[in-house]
All heavy atoms as atom14 arrays in JSON, in Angstrom:
{
  "sequence": "EATGGAGGAALTRCVSCTADVFAREYWGRAPLLSRAAELRGSFTDL",
  "atom14_mask": [
    [1, 1, 1, 1, 1, 1, 1, 1, 1, 0, 0, 0, 0, 0],
    [1, 1, 1, 1, 1, 0, 0, 0, 0, 0, 0, 0, 0, 0],
    [1, 1, 1, 1, 1, 1, 1, 0, 0, 0, 0, 0, 0, 0],
    [1, 1, 1, 1, 0, 0, 0, 0, 0, 0, 0, 0, 0, 0],
    [1, 1, 1, 1, 0, 0, 0, 0, 0, 0, 0, 0, 0, 0],
    [1, 1, 1, 1, 1, 0, 0, 0, 0, 0, 0, 0, 0, 0],
    [1, 1, 1, 1, 0, 0, 0, 0, 0, 0, 0, 0, 0, 0],
    [1, 1, 1, 1, 0, 0, 0, 0, 0, 0, 0, 0, 0, 0],
    [1, 1, 1, 1, 1, 0, 0, 0, 0, 0, 0, 0, 0, 0],
    [1, 1, 1, 1, 1, 0, 0, 0, 0, 0, 0, 0, 0, 0],
    [1, 1, 1, 1, 1, 1, 1, 1, 0, 0, 0, 0, 0, 0],
    [1, 1, 1, 1, 1, 1, 1, 0, 0, 0, 0, 0, 0, 0],
    [1, 1, 1, 1, 1, 1, 1, 1, 1, 1, 1, 0, 0, 0],
    [1, 1, 1, 1, 1, 1, 0, 0, 0, 0, 0, 0, 0, 0],
    [1, 1, 1, 1, 1, 1, 1, 0, 0, 0, 0, 0, 0, 0],
    [1, 1, 1, 1, 1, 1, 0, 0, 0, 0, 0, 0, 0, 0],
    [1, 1, 1, 1, 1, 1, 0, 0, 0, 0, 0, 0, 0, 0],
    [1, 1, 1, 1, 1, 1, 1, 0, 0, 0, 0, 0, 0, 0],
    [1, 1, 1, 1, 1, 0, 0, 0, 0, 0, 0, 0, 0, 0],
    [1, 1, 1, 1, 1, 1, 1, 1, 0, 0, 0, 0, 0, 0],
    [1, 1, 1, 1, 1, 1, 1, 0, 0, 0, 0, 0, 0, 0],
    [1, 1, 1, 1, 1, 1, 1, 1, 1, 1, 1, 0, 0, 0],
    [1, 1, 1, 1, 1, 0, 0, 0, 0, 0, 0, 0, 0, 0],
    [1, 1, 1, 1, 1, 1, 1, 1, 1, 1, 1, 0, 0, 0],
    [1, 1, 1, 1, 1, 1, 1, 1, 1, 0, 0, 0, 0, 0],
    [1, 1, 1, 1, 1, 1, 1, 1, 1, 1, 1, 1, 0, 0],
    [1, 1, 1, 1, 1, 1, 1, 1, 1, 1, 1, 1, 1, 1],
    [1, 1, 1, 1, 0, 0, 0, 0, 0, 0, 0, 0, 0, 0],
    [1, 1, 1, 1, 1, 1, 1, 1, 1, 1, 1, 0, 0, 0],
    [1, 1, 1, 1, 1, 0, 0, 0, 0, 0, 0, 0, 0, 0],
    [1, 1, 1, 1, 1, 1, 1, 0, 0, 0, 0, 0, 0, 0],
    [1, 1, 1, 1, 1, 1, 1, 1, 0, 0, 0, 0, 0, 0],
    [1, 1, 1, 1, 1, 1, 1, 1, 0, 0, 0, 0, 0, 0],
    [1, 1, 1, 1, 1, 1, 0, 0, 0, 0, 0, 0, 0, 0],
    [1, 1, 1, 1, 1, 1, 1, 1, 1, 1, 1, 0, 0, 0],
    [1, 1, 1, 1, 1, 0, 0, 0, 0, 0, 0, 0, 0, 0],
    [1, 1, 1, 1, 1, 0, 0, 0, 0, 0, 0, 0, 0, 0],
    [1, 1, 1, 1, 1, 1, 1, 1, 1, 0, 0, 0, 0, 0],
    [1, 1, 1, 1, 1, 1, 1, 1, 0, 0, 0, 0, 0, 0],
    [1, 1, 1, 1, 1, 1, 1, 1, 1, 1, 1, 0, 0, 0],
    [1, 1, 1, 1, 0, 0, 0, 0, 0, 0, 0, 0, 0, 0],
    [1, 1, 1, 1, 1, 1, 0, 0, 0, 0, 0, 0, 0, 0],
    [1, 1, 1, 1, 1, 1, 1, 1, 1, 1, 1, 0, 0, 0],
    [1, 1, 1, 1, 1, 1, 1, 0, 0, 0, 0, 0, 0, 0],
    [1, 1, 1, 1, 1, 1, 1, 1, 0, 0, 0, 0, 0, 0],
    [1, 1, 1, 1, 1, 1, 1, 1, 0, 0, 0, 0, 0, 0]
  ],
  "atom14_positions": [
    [[194.7, 12.99, 5.11], [195.29, 13.83, 4.02], [196.7, 14.27, 4.46], [197.69, 14.19, 3.63], [194.4, 15.03, 3.75], [194.98, 15.96, 2.68], [194.08, 17.08, 2.39], [193.01, 17.18, 2.95], [194.46, 17.96, 1.55], [0.0, 0.0, 0.0], [0.0, 0.0, 0.0], [0.0, 0.0, 0.0], [0.0, 0.0, 0.0], [0.0, 0.0, 0.0]],
    [[196.88, 14.7, 5.74], [198.1, 15.29, 6.11], [199.24, 14.2, 6.22], [200.44, 14.44, 6.0], [197.95, 15.95, 7.53], [0.0, 0.0, 0.0], [0.0, 0.0, 0.0], [0.0, 0.0, 0.0], [0.0, 0.0, 0.0], [0.0, 0.0, 0.0], [0.0, 0.0, 0.0], [0.0, 0.0, 0.0], [0.0, 0.0, 0.0], [0.0, 0.0, 0.0]],
    [[198.85, 12.97, 6.57], [199.85, 11.88, 6.64], [200.1, 11.2, 5.33], [200.85, 10.21, 5.28], [199.36, 10.86, 7.67], [198.07, 10.43, 7.34], [199.38, 11.42, 9.1], [0.0, 0.0, 0.0], [0.0, 0.0, 0.0], [0.0, 0.0, 0.0], [0.0, 0.0, 0.0], [0.0, 0.0, 0.0], [0.0, 0.0, 0.0], [0.0, 0.0, 0.0]],
    [[199.53, 11.66, 4.25], [199.8, 11.07, 2.99], [199.27, 9.67, 2.86], [199.99, 8.79, 2.29], [0.0, 0.0, 0.0], [0.0, 0.0, 0.0], [0.0, 0.0, 0.0], [0.0, 0.0, 0.0], [0.0, 0.0, 0.0], [0.0, 0.0, 0.0], [0.0, 0.0, 0.0], [0.0, 0.0, 0.0], [0.0, 0.0, 0.0], [0.0, 0.0, 0.0]],
    [[198.12, 9.44, 3.34], [197.55, 8.04, 3.41], [196.99, 7.58, 2.16], [196.0, 6.78, 2.14], [0.0, 0.0, 0.0], [0.0, 0.0, 0.0], [0.0, 0.0, 0.0], [0.0, 0.0, 0.0], [0.0, 0.0, 0.0], [0.0, 0.0, 0.0], [0.0, 0.0, 0.0], [0.0, 0.0, 0.0], [0.0, 0.0, 0.0], [0.0, 0.0, 0.0]],
    [[197.43, 8.08, 0.98], [196.9, 7.51, -0.27], [195.4, 7.54, -0.37], [194.76, 6.62, -0.77], [197.42, 6.08, -0.49], [0.0, 0.0, 0.0], [0.0, 0.0, 0.0], [0.0, 0.0, 0.0], [0.0, 0.0, 0.0], [0.0, 0.0, 0.0], [0.0, 0.0, 0.0], [0.0, 0.0, 0.0], [0.0, 0.0, 0.0], [0.0, 0.0, 0.0]],
    [[194.81, 8.74, 0.11], [193.4, 8.84, 0.07], [192.65, 7.96, 0.97], [191.53, 7.63, 0.84], [0.0, 0.0, 0.0], [0.0, 0.0, 0.0], [0.0, 0.0, 0.0], [0.0, 0.0, 0.0], [0.0, 0.0, 0.0], [0.0, 0.0, 0.0], [0.0, 0.0, 0.0], [0.0, 0.0, 0.0], [0.0, 0.0, 0.0], [0.0, 0.0, 0.0]],
    [[193.34, 7.57, 2.1], [192.68, 6.65, 3.07], [192.55, 5.22, 2.51], [191.54, 4.57, 2.75], [0.0, 0.0, 0.0], [0.0, 0.0, 0.0], [0.0, 0.0, 0.0], [0.0, 0.0, 0.0], [0.0, 0.0, 0.0], [0.0, 0.0, 0.0], [0.0, 0.0, 0.0], [0.0, 0.0, 0.0], [0.0, 0.0, 0.0], [0.0, 0.0, 0.0]],
    [[193.57, 4.75, 1.77], [193.46, 3.45, 1.11], [193.21, 2.32, 2.06], [192.5, 1.37, 1.73], [194.68, 3.2, 0.32], [0.0, 0.0, 0.0], [0.0, 0.0, 0.0], [0.0, 0.0, 0.0], [0.0, 0.0, 0.0], [0.0, 0.0, 0.0], [0.0, 0.0, 0.0], [0.0, 0.0, 0.0], [0.0, 0.0, 0.0], [0.0, 0.0, 0.0]],
    [[193.81, 2.33, 3.29], [193.57, 1.23, 4.27], [192.2, 1.41, 4.9], [191.44, 0.43, 5.05], [194.66, 1.25, 5.3], [0.0, 0.0, 0.0], [0.0, 0.0, 0.0], [0.0, 0.0, 0.0], [0.0, 0.0, 0.0], [0.0, 0.0, 0.0], [0.0, 0.0, 0.0], [0.0, 0.0, 0.0], [0.0, 0.0, 0.0], [0.0, 0.0, 0.0]],
    [[191.83, 2.63, 5.25], [190.54, 2.87, 5.91], [189.41, 2.48, 4.93], [188.43, 1.88, 5.34], [190.38, 4.32, 6.27], [189.03, 4.73, 6.88], [188.7, 3.94, 8.13], [188.95, 6.21, 7.14], [0.0, 0.0, 0.0], [0.0, 0.0, 0.0], [0.0, 0.0, 0.0], [0.0, 0.0, 0.0], [0.0, 0.0, 0.0], [0.0, 0.0, 0.0]],
    [[189.51, 2.89, 3.7], [188.41, 2.62, 2.75], [188.24, 1.09, 2.45], [187.28, 0.67, 1.78], [188.55, 3.41, 1.48], [189.85, 3.27, 0.87], [188.31, 4.88, 1.81], [0.0, 0.0, 0.0], [0.0, 0.0, 0.0], [0.0, 0.0, 0.0], [0.0, 0.0, 0.0], [0.0, 0.0, 0.0], [0.0, 0.0, 0.0], [0.0, 0.0, 0.0]],
    [[189.2, 0.25, 2.84], [189.0, -1.15, 2.78], [188.0, -1.63, 3.86], [187.43, -2.69, 3.78], [190.32, -1.94, 2.97], [191.29, -1.7, 1.83], [192.31, -2.85, 1.87], [191.67, -4.2, 1.61], [192.43, -5.36, 1.48], [193.74, -5.28, 1.62], [191.8, -6.42, 1.24], [0.0, 0.0, 0.0], [0.0, 0.0, 0.0], [0.0, 0.0, 0.0]],
    [[187.85, -0.77, 4.9], [187.06, -1.2, 6.06], [185.74, -0.54, 6.15], [184.86, -1.02, 6.91], [187.88, -0.82, 7.36], [189.61, -1.39, 7.45], [0.0, 0.0, 0.0], [0.0, 0.0, 0.0], [0.0, 0.0, 0.0], [0.0, 0.0, 0.0], [0.0, 0.0, 0.0], [0.0, 0.0, 0.0], [0.0, 0.0, 0.0], [0.0, 0.0, 0.0]],
    [[185.46, 0.51, 5.35], [184.17, 1.21, 5.42], [183.68, 1.47, 4.05], [184.46, 1.66, 3.13], [184.33, 2.51, 6.24], [184.7, 2.23, 7.68], [185.31, 3.49, 5.55], [0.0, 0.0, 0.0], [0.0, 0.0, 0.0], [0.0, 0.0, 0.0], [0.0, 0.0, 0.0], [0.0, 0.0, 0.0], [0.0, 0.0, 0.0], [0.0, 0.0, 0.0]],
    [[182.33, 1.61, 3.94], [181.75, 1.75, 2.65], [181.42, 3.2, 2.36], [180.58, 3.53, 1.48], [180.44, 0.99, 2.55], [179.55, 1.35, 3.65], [0.0, 0.0, 0.0], [0.0, 0.0, 0.0], [0.0, 0.0, 0.0], [0.0, 0.0, 0.0], [0.0, 0.0, 0.0], [0.0, 0.0, 0.0], [0.0, 0.0, 0.0], [0.0, 0.0, 0.0]],
    [[182.04, 4.16, 3.06], [181.9, 5.57, 2.84], [183.25, 6.25, 2.77], [184.26, 5.65, 2.88], [181.06, 6.15, 4.07], [181.86, 6.01, 5.64], [0.0, 0.0, 0.0], [0.0, 0.0, 0.0], [0.0, 0.0, 0.0], [0.0, 0.0, 0.0], [0.0, 0.0, 0.0], [0.0, 0.0, 0.0], [0.0, 0.0, 0.0], [0.0, 0.0, 0.0]],
    [[183.23, 7.49, 2.44], [184.46, 8.27, 2.3], [185.05, 8.46, 3.69], [184.37, 8.4, 4.74], [184.23, 9.59, 1.62], [183.42, 10.45, 2.48], [183.61, 9.42, 0.25], [0.0, 0.0, 0.0], [0.0, 0.0, 0.0], [0.0, 0.0, 0.0], [0.0, 0.0, 0.0], [0.0, 0.0, 0.0], [0.0, 0.0, 0.0], [0.0, 0.0, 0.0]],
    [[186.33, 8.8, 3.72], [187.0, 9.1, 4.99], [186.35, 10.26, 5.67], [186.19, 10.31, 6.92], [188.52, 9.4, 4.73], [0.0, 0.0, 0.0], [0.0, 0.0, 0.0], [0.0, 0.0, 0.0], [0.0, 0.0, 0.0], [0.0, 0.0, 0.0], [0.0, 0.0, 0.0], [0.0, 0.0, 0.0], [0.0, 0.0, 0.0], [0.0, 0.0, 0.0]],
    [[185.93, 11.28, 4.92], [185.28, 12.42, 5.53], [183.95, 12.08, 6.22], [183.66, 12.51, 7.29], [185.08, 13.56, 4.52], [184.57, 14.82, 5.04], [185.26, 15.39, 5.88], [183.41, 15.21, 4.69], [0.0, 0.0, 0.0], [0.0, 0.0, 0.0], [0.0, 0.0, 0.0], [0.0, 0.0, 0.0], [0.0, 0.0, 0.0], [0.0, 0.0, 0.0]],
    [[183.16, 11.28, 5.53], [181.9, 10.86, 6.08], [182.08, 10.03, 7.31], [181.4, 10.14, 8.3], [181.03, 10.12, 5.02], [179.79, 9.43, 5.65], [180.57, 11.08, 3.91], [0.0, 0.0, 0.0], [0.0, 0.0, 0.0], [0.0, 0.0, 0.0], [0.0, 0.0, 0.0], [0.0, 0.0, 0.0], [0.0, 0.0, 0.0], [0.0, 0.0, 0.0]],
    [[183.06, 9.1, 7.23], [183.38, 8.29, 8.38], [183.69, 9.17, 9.61], [183.26, 8.96, 10.7], [184.49, 7.28, 8.06], [184.9, 6.5, 9.23], [184.17, 5.45, 9.7], [186.09, 6.77, 9.94], [184.53, 4.72, 10.83], [186.49, 6.1, 11.04], [185.71, 5.01, 11.54], [0.0, 0.0, 0.0], [0.0, 0.0, 0.0], [0.0, 0.0, 0.0]],
    [[184.59, 10.11, 9.38], [185.05, 10.98, 10.45], [183.91, 11.81, 11.04], [183.82, 11.94, 12.25], [186.17, 11.95, 9.95], [0.0, 0.0, 0.0], [0.0, 0.0, 0.0], [0.0, 0.0, 0.0], [0.0, 0.0, 0.0], [0.0, 0.0, 0.0], [0.0, 0.0, 0.0], [0.0, 0.0, 0.0], [0.0, 0.0, 0.0], [0.0, 0.0, 0.0]],
    [[183.02, 12.2, 10.23], [181.97, 13.16, 10.64], [180.8, 12.4, 11.3], [180.24, 12.85, 12.27], [181.44, 13.99, 9.46], [180.44, 15.05, 9.86], [180.09, 15.89, 8.6], [179.44, 15.14, 7.56], [180.04, 14.89, 6.4], [181.26, 15.31, 6.11], [179.37, 14.16, 5.45], [0.0, 0.0, 0.0], [0.0, 0.0, 0.0], [0.0, 0.0, 0.0]],
    [[180.46, 11.25, 10.74], [179.21, 10.61, 11.17], [179.39, 9.33, 12.01], [178.43, 8.96, 12.74], [178.37, 10.23, 9.9], [177.99, 11.53, 9.13], [177.09, 11.18, 7.93], [176.65, 10.02, 7.86], [176.92, 12.1, 7.09], [0.0, 0.0, 0.0], [0.0, 0.0, 0.0], [0.0, 0.0, 0.0], [0.0, 0.0, 0.0], [0.0, 0.0, 0.0]],
    [[180.54, 8.7, 11.92], [180.66, 7.38, 12.6], [181.76, 7.32, 13.63], [181.57, 6.64, 14.61], [180.91, 6.29, 11.55], [179.68, 6.09, 10.58], [179.7, 6.64, 9.3], [178.61, 5.48, 10.97], [178.67, 6.52, 8.47], [177.48, 5.28, 10.16], [177.51, 5.83, 8.91], [176.41, 5.74, 8.06], [0.0, 0.0, 0.0], [0.0, 0.0, 0.0]],
    [[182.9, 7.92, 13.4], [184.04, 7.78, 14.3], [183.66, 8.17, 15.72], [183.26, 9.3, 15.99], [185.2, 8.71, 13.86], [186.33, 8.81, 14.78], [186.72, 9.95, 15.47], [187.27, 7.75, 15.15], [187.83, 9.65, 16.22], [188.17, 8.36, 16.09], [187.44, 6.46, 14.8], [189.23, 7.61, 16.61], [188.47, 5.73, 15.36], [189.36, 6.35, 16.3]],
    [[183.69, 7.18, 16.59], [183.36, 7.34, 18.03], [181.88, 7.61, 18.31], [181.51, 7.96, 19.45], [0.0, 0.0, 0.0], [0.0, 0.0, 0.0], [0.0, 0.0, 0.0], [0.0, 0.0, 0.0], [0.0, 0.0, 0.0], [0.0, 0.0, 0.0], [0.0, 0.0, 0.0], [0.0, 0.0, 0.0], [0.0, 0.0, 0.0], [0.0, 0.0, 0.0]],
    [[181.02, 7.48, 17.29], [179.61, 7.81, 17.4], [178.65, 6.67, 17.14], [177.73, 6.47, 17.94], [179.26, 8.97, 16.45], [179.9, 10.29, 16.71], [179.46, 11.38, 15.73], [180.1, 12.63, 15.96], [181.29, 13.06, 15.5], [181.98, 12.22, 14.76], [181.68, 14.25, 15.8], [0.0, 0.0, 0.0], [0.0, 0.0, 0.0], [0.0, 0.0, 0.0]],
    [[178.83, 5.98, 16.08], [177.78, 4.99, 15.69], [178.42, 3.76, 14.93], [179.44, 3.98, 14.25], [176.76, 5.61, 14.82], [0.0, 0.0, 0.0], [0.0, 0.0, 0.0], [0.0, 0.0, 0.0], [0.0, 0.0, 0.0], [0.0, 0.0, 0.0], [0.0, 0.0, 0.0], [0.0, 0.0, 0.0], [0.0, 0.0, 0.0], [0.0, 0.0, 0.0]],
    [[177.87, 2.57, 15.08], [178.32, 1.47, 14.27], [178.11, 1.7, 12.76], [177.16, 2.39, 12.39], [177.48, 0.32, 14.82], [176.92, 0.76, 16.1], [176.79, 2.2, 15.97], [0.0, 0.0, 0.0], [0.0, 0.0, 0.0], [0.0, 0.0, 0.0], [0.0, 0.0, 0.0], [0.0, 0.0, 0.0], [0.0, 0.0, 0.0], [0.0, 0.0, 0.0]],
    [[178.88, 1.02, 11.95], [178.75, 1.05, 10.52], [178.89, -0.33, 9.94], [179.98, -0.88, 10.11], [179.71, 2.05, 9.91], [179.76, 2.05, 8.34], [178.43, 2.46, 7.8], [180.88, 2.99, 7.88], [0.0, 0.0, 0.0], [0.0, 0.0, 0.0], [0.0, 0.0, 0.0], [0.0, 0.0, 0.0], [0.0, 0.0, 0.0], [0.0, 0.0, 0.0]],
    [[177.9, -0.85, 9.32], [178.02, -2.17, 8.66], [178.22, -1.97, 7.17], [177.47, -1.24, 6.46], [176.7, -2.95, 8.83], [176.54, -4.28, 8.08], [177.68, -5.27, 8.47], [175.19, -4.88, 8.33], [0.0, 0.0, 0.0], [0.0, 0.0, 0.0], [0.0, 0.0, 0.0], [0.0, 0.0, 0.0], [0.0, 0.0, 0.0], [0.0, 0.0, 0.0]],
    [[179.3, -2.51, 6.63], [179.62, -2.35, 5.23], [179.65, -3.76, 4.54], [180.4, -4.58, 5.01], [181.03, -1.66, 5.04], [181.0, -0.41, 5.65], [0.0, 0.0, 0.0], [0.0, 0.0, 0.0], [0.0, 0.0, 0.0], [0.0, 0.0, 0.0], [0.0, 0.0, 0.0], [0.0, 0.0, 0.0], [0.0, 0.0, 0.0], [0.0, 0.0, 0.0]],
    [[178.9, -3.97, 3.52], [178.78, -5.25, 2.89], [179.9, -5.38, 1.83], [180.42, -4.4, 1.34], [177.45, -5.44, 2.21], [176.27, -5.49, 3.22], [176.43, -6.7, 4.15], [175.22, -6.88, 4.98], [175.09, -7.8, 5.88], [176.1, -8.61, 6.15], [174.03, -7.87, 6.66], [0.0, 0.0, 0.0], [0.0, 0.0, 0.0], [0.0, 0.0, 0.0]],
    [[180.26, -6.58, 1.53], [181.32, -6.86, 0.57], [181.16, -6.13, -0.75], [182.07, -5.65, -1.35], [181.47, -8.36, 0.39], [0.0, 0.0, 0.0], [0.0, 0.0, 0.0], [0.0, 0.0, 0.0], [0.0, 0.0, 0.0], [0.0, 0.0, 0.0], [0.0, 0.0, 0.0], [0.0, 0.0, 0.0], [0.0, 0.0, 0.0], [0.0, 0.0, 0.0]],
    [[179.88, -6.14, -1.22], [179.63, -5.53, -2.49], [179.91, -3.99, -2.5], [180.1, -3.4, -3.55], [178.19, -5.68, -2.89], [0.0, 0.0, 0.0], [0.0, 0.0, 0.0], [0.0, 0.0, 0.0], [0.0, 0.0, 0.0], [0.0, 0.0, 0.0], [0.0, 0.0, 0.0], [0.0, 0.0, 0.0], [0.0, 0.0, 0.0], [0.0, 0.0, 0.0]],
    [[180.01, -3.37, -1.33], [180.22, -1.97, -1.16], [181.7, -1.66, -0.98], [182.08, -0.49, -0.94], [179.47, -1.39, 0.0], [177.96, -1.63, -0.04], [177.24, -1.27, 1.24], [177.45, -1.92, 2.27], [176.48, -0.24, 1.18], [0.0, 0.0, 0.0], [0.0, 0.0, 0.0], [0.0, 0.0, 0.0], [0.0, 0.0, 0.0], [0.0, 0.0, 0.0]],
    [[182.51, -2.75, -0.78], [183.93, -2.5, -0.47], [184.81, -2.89, -1.69], [184.27, -3.18, -2.75], [184.26, -3.32, 0.8], [183.53, -2.94, 2.05], [183.84, -3.87, 3.2], [183.86, -1.51, 2.47], [0.0, 0.0, 0.0], [0.0, 0.0, 0.0], [0.0, 0.0, 0.0], [0.0, 0.0, 0.0], [0.0, 0.0, 0.0], [0.0, 0.0, 0.0]],
    [[186.16, -2.82, -1.5], [187.07, -3.04, -2.59], [187.64, -4.4, -2.63], [188.78, -4.54, -3.12], [188.18, -1.99, -2.49], [187.65, -0.58, -2.57], [188.78, 0.43, -2.73], [189.66, 0.53, -1.54], [190.88, 0.05, -1.45], [191.43, -0.51, -2.52], [191.56, 0.21, -0.36], [0.0, 0.0, 0.0], [0.0, 0.0, 0.0], [0.0, 0.0, 0.0]],
    [[186.99, -5.4, -2.26], [187.45, -6.76, -2.38], [187.52, -7.48, -1.07], [187.2, -6.9, 0.01], [0.0, 0.0, 0.0], [0.0, 0.0, 0.0], [0.0, 0.0, 0.0], [0.0, 0.0, 0.0], [0.0, 0.0, 0.0], [0.0, 0.0, 0.0], [0.0, 0.0, 0.0], [0.0, 0.0, 0.0], [0.0, 0.0, 0.0], [0.0, 0.0, 0.0]],
    [[187.88, -8.72, -1.07], [187.93, -9.62, 0.11], [189.12, -9.21, 0.98], [189.96, -8.35, 0.62], [187.94, -11.02, -0.19], [189.2, -11.41, -0.75], [0.0, 0.0, 0.0], [0.0, 0.0, 0.0], [0.0, 0.0, 0.0], [0.0, 0.0, 0.0], [0.0, 0.0, 0.0], [0.0, 0.0, 0.0], [0.0, 0.0, 0.0], [0.0, 0.0, 0.0]],
    [[189.26, -9.91, 2.11], [190.4, -9.65, 3.04], [191.3, -10.82, 3.1], [192.2, -10.93, 3.95], [189.82, -9.4, 4.41], [188.87, -8.29, 4.48], [187.56, -8.5, 4.79], [189.26, -7.0, 4.19], [186.56, -7.44, 4.82], [188.34, -5.97, 4.25], [187.03, -6.1, 4.49], [0.0, 0.0, 0.0], [0.0, 0.0, 0.0], [0.0, 0.0, 0.0]],
    [[191.18, -11.8, 2.13], [192.06, -12.98, 2.07], [193.52, -12.7, 1.83], [194.37, -13.48, 2.09], [191.52, -14.05, 1.17], [191.4, -13.43, -0.16], [190.17, -14.57, 1.61], [0.0, 0.0, 0.0], [0.0, 0.0, 0.0], [0.0, 0.0, 0.0], [0.0, 0.0, 0.0], [0.0, 0.0, 0.0], [0.0, 0.0, 0.0], [0.0, 0.0, 0.0]],
    [[193.76, -11.44, 1.24], [195.17, -11.11, 1.03], [195.83, -10.74, 2.33], [197.07, -10.75, 2.46], [195.26, -9.92, 0.1], [194.54, -8.66, 0.57], [193.37, -8.82, 0.97], [195.1, -7.57, 0.52], [0.0, 0.0, 0.0], [0.0, 0.0, 0.0], [0.0, 0.0, 0.0], [0.0, 0.0, 0.0], [0.0, 0.0, 0.0], [0.0, 0.0, 0.0]],
    [[195.04, -10.37, 3.33], [195.59, -10.02, 4.73], [195.77, -11.28, 5.53], [196.72, -11.4, 6.29], [194.65, -9.06, 5.42], [194.39, -7.74, 4.68], [193.38, -6.86, 5.47], [195.67, -6.95, 4.48], [0.0, 0.0, 0.0], [0.0, 0.0, 0.0], [0.0, 0.0, 0.0], [0.0, 0.0, 0.0], [0.0, 0.0, 0.0], [0.0, 0.0, 0.0]]
  ]
}
């Protein structure tokens, strides 16, 4: 939020949860598998 990250637009391409949930439950703690249907599109643009 402080860095103006457009609501975590890059992060939410990588995880199927909100930035807050990722920070609280997964960051440095546990693996997270996110399926394509839960994300915002493929990665072929990258």
